[in-house]
Protein backbone atom coordinates (compact mmCIF):
# COMPACT_ATOMS: atom_id res chain seq x y z
CA UNK A 1 28.41 -10.33 -11.64
CA UNK A 2 27.78 -6.62 -12.11
CA UNK A 3 29.97 -4.40 -14.21
CA UNK A 4 30.93 -2.36 -11.15
CA UNK A 5 32.12 -5.48 -9.35
CA UNK A 6 34.12 -6.52 -12.42
CA UNK A 7 35.77 -3.10 -12.66
CA UNK A 8 36.69 -3.16 -8.98
CA UNK A 9 38.16 -6.66 -9.36
CA UNK A 10 40.13 -5.53 -12.42
CA UNK A 11 41.43 -2.44 -10.60
CA UNK A 12 42.37 -4.56 -7.59
CA UNK A 13 44.29 -6.99 -9.84
CA UNK A 14 46.08 -4.13 -11.61
CA UNK A 15 47.04 -2.50 -8.31
CA UNK A 16 48.31 -5.82 -6.97
CA UNK A 17 50.42 -6.20 -10.08
CA UNK A 18 51.85 -2.69 -9.71
CA UNK A 19 52.57 -3.23 -6.02
CA UNK A 20 54.36 -6.49 -6.80
CA UNK A 21 56.49 -4.72 -9.43
CA UNK A 22 57.30 -1.90 -7.02
CA UNK A 23 58.25 -4.39 -4.31
CA UNK A 24 60.49 -6.25 -6.75
CA UNK A 25 62.26 -3.04 -7.80
CA UNK A 26 62.74 -2.07 -4.12
CA UNK A 27 64.07 -5.54 -3.41
CA UNK A 28 66.44 -5.34 -6.38
CA UNK A 29 67.86 -2.10 -5.01
CA UNK A 30 68.63 -3.82 -1.72
CA UNK A 31 70.28 -6.77 -3.40
CA UNK A 32 67.37 -9.07 -2.55
CA UNK A 33 67.75 -11.26 -5.59
CA UNK A 34 71.39 -11.89 -4.91
CA UNK A 35 70.69 -13.13 -1.37
CA UNK A 36 67.57 -15.24 -1.86
CA UNK A 37 65.77 -16.93 -4.64
CA UNK A 38 62.61 -14.98 -5.46
CA UNK A 39 59.53 -17.10 -6.26
CA UNK A 40 58.14 -16.88 -9.75
CA UNK A 41 54.66 -15.52 -10.35
CA UNK A 42 53.51 -19.14 -10.83
CA UNK A 43 53.72 -19.68 -7.08
CA UNK A 44 57.04 -21.58 -7.02
CA UNK A 45 57.86 -21.40 -3.32
CA UNK A 46 59.88 -24.61 -3.13
CA UNK A 47 63.22 -22.82 -2.78
CA UNK A 48 62.12 -20.65 0.12
CA UNK A 49 62.71 -21.36 3.79
CA UNK A 50 59.86 -21.16 6.31
CA UNK A 51 60.93 -17.69 7.42
CA UNK A 52 61.13 -16.42 3.85
CA UNK A 53 57.73 -17.91 3.09
CA UNK A 54 56.19 -16.29 6.18
CA UNK A 55 57.73 -12.95 5.20
CA UNK A 56 56.39 -13.27 1.65
CA UNK A 57 52.90 -14.08 2.91
CA UNK A 58 52.98 -11.09 5.27
CA UNK A 59 54.24 -8.80 2.48
CA UNK A 60 51.43 -9.89 0.16
CA UNK A 61 48.84 -9.51 2.92
CA UNK A 62 50.00 -5.96 3.63
CA UNK A 63 50.00 -5.13 -0.09
CA UNK A 64 46.48 -6.51 -0.46
CA UNK A 65 45.29 -4.52 2.56
CA UNK A 66 46.82 -1.34 1.13
CA UNK A 67 45.09 -1.92 -2.19
CA UNK A 68 41.74 -2.58 -0.58
CA UNK A 69 42.12 0.54 1.57
CA UNK A 70 43.00 2.58 -1.51
CA UNK A 71 39.96 1.22 -3.34
CA UNK A 72 37.70 2.08 -0.42
CA UNK A 73 39.18 5.55 -0.27
CA UNK A 74 40.81 5.02 3.09
CA UNK A 75 37.57 4.03 4.82
CA UNK A 76 37.16 0.78 6.64
CA UNK A 77 33.82 -0.86 5.92
CA UNK A 78 31.29 -0.73 8.71
CA UNK A 79 30.40 -4.09 10.03
CA UNK A 80 26.82 -4.92 9.22
CA UNK A 81 24.73 -6.39 11.99
CA UNK A 82 23.48 -9.90 11.44
CA UNK A 83 19.99 -10.10 9.97
CA UNK A 84 17.27 -10.12 12.58
CA UNK A 85 15.15 -13.23 12.74
CA UNK A 86 12.04 -13.20 14.81
CA UNK A 87 11.95 -15.77 17.58
CA UNK A 88 10.24 -18.98 16.61
CA UNK A 89 6.99 -19.52 18.41
CA UNK A 90 4.73 -22.50 18.72
CA UNK A 91 2.04 -20.63 16.75
CA UNK A 92 4.55 -20.01 13.93
CA UNK A 93 5.52 -23.69 13.87
CA UNK A 94 1.85 -24.64 13.76
CA UNK A 95 1.26 -22.30 10.81
CA UNK A 96 4.22 -23.82 8.97
CA UNK A 97 2.96 -27.34 9.64
CA UNK A 98 -0.52 -26.41 8.35
CA UNK A 99 0.97 -24.79 5.25
CA UNK A 100 2.89 -27.99 4.40
CA UNK A 101 -0.33 -29.99 4.91
CA UNK A 102 -2.36 -27.61 2.70
CA UNK A 103 0.13 -28.04 -0.13
CA UNK A 104 0.16 -31.82 0.37
CA UNK A 105 3.91 -32.11 0.88
CA UNK A 106 5.80 -33.65 3.80
CA UNK A 107 6.96 -31.21 6.46
CA UNK A 108 10.52 -30.05 5.88
CA UNK A 109 10.36 -30.44 2.08
CA UNK A 110 12.64 -28.23 0.03
CA UNK A 111 11.36 -25.13 -1.76
CA UNK A 112 11.40 -26.75 -5.20
CA UNK A 113 9.03 -29.52 -4.01
CA UNK A 114 6.74 -26.94 -2.40
CA UNK A 115 6.68 -24.87 -5.58
CA UNK A 116 5.88 -27.87 -7.78
CA UNK A 117 3.09 -28.98 -5.47
CA UNK A 118 1.62 -25.47 -5.36
CA UNK A 119 1.59 -25.21 -9.16
CA UNK A 120 0.07 -28.69 -9.54
CA UNK A 121 -2.72 -27.90 -7.08
CA UNK A 122 -3.39 -24.49 -8.65
CA UNK A 123 -3.77 -26.12 -12.07
CA UNK A 124 -6.16 -28.63 -10.57
CA UNK A 125 -8.35 -26.25 -8.53
CA UNK A 126 -8.14 -22.96 -10.43
CA UNK A 127 -11.54 -21.11 -10.38
CA UNK A 128 -11.52 -20.68 -14.17
CA UNK A 129 -11.76 -24.46 -14.52
CA UNK A 130 -14.83 -24.64 -12.24
CA UNK A 131 -17.27 -22.21 -13.86
CA UNK A 132 -20.19 -24.67 -13.91
CA UNK A 133 -21.99 -23.28 -10.89
CA UNK A 134 -21.42 -20.28 -8.66
CA UNK A 135 -21.00 -22.58 -5.64
CA UNK A 136 -18.21 -24.58 -7.29
CA UNK A 137 -16.46 -21.41 -8.39
CA UNK A 138 -16.65 -19.90 -4.86
CA UNK A 139 -15.27 -23.12 -3.37
CA UNK A 140 -12.43 -23.17 -5.93
CA UNK A 141 -11.66 -19.50 -5.26
CA UNK A 142 -11.55 -20.10 -1.51
CA UNK A 143 -9.31 -23.15 -1.95
CA UNK A 144 -6.86 -21.34 -4.27
CA UNK A 145 -6.67 -18.44 -1.82
CA UNK A 146 -5.76 -20.84 0.99
CA UNK A 147 -3.17 -22.54 -1.25
CA UNK A 148 -1.65 -19.18 -2.14
CA UNK A 149 -1.51 -18.15 1.53
CA UNK A 150 0.17 -21.46 2.46
CA UNK A 151 2.69 -21.06 -0.37
CA UNK A 152 3.54 -17.49 0.68
CA UNK A 153 3.95 -18.60 4.29
CA UNK A 154 6.37 -21.37 3.33
CA UNK A 155 8.21 -19.14 0.88
CA UNK A 156 8.78 -16.52 3.58
CA UNK A 157 9.85 -19.22 6.05
CA UNK A 158 12.34 -20.81 3.61
CA UNK A 159 13.85 -17.52 2.43
CA UNK A 160 15.09 -16.67 5.94
């Protein structure tokens, strides 16, 4: 959690505390405590009727909304549009299926399995391990490039 987020949470908690104290002092002025039993800060709501409980929930919701509005500086957050996902096509599904096959894992495997398989195959076929002849090294280079492409394709697909 970032420091900014922690500070905002701390400020929100402090403002909630101040608003609760202010509400209690307003309620004391109106004789609130003499009419009804006020719940403790522990959440003891057993002595409250349904109407009192509903009123308390509404009061806290309004107080929270006021605090959040004060923190935002009176601005309501803009709703963010949902992330765009490109439509799935048969060609895309075919590429995904081929990528799973290239990495020698069953289709639909989780990312951790894909990553482990990719690393295992890269250790096995890395071009530095096949320096004997130029032909072997070219073949190993080509194979590792295809493995890397398959891994990147699956990584992009799974991160969506």
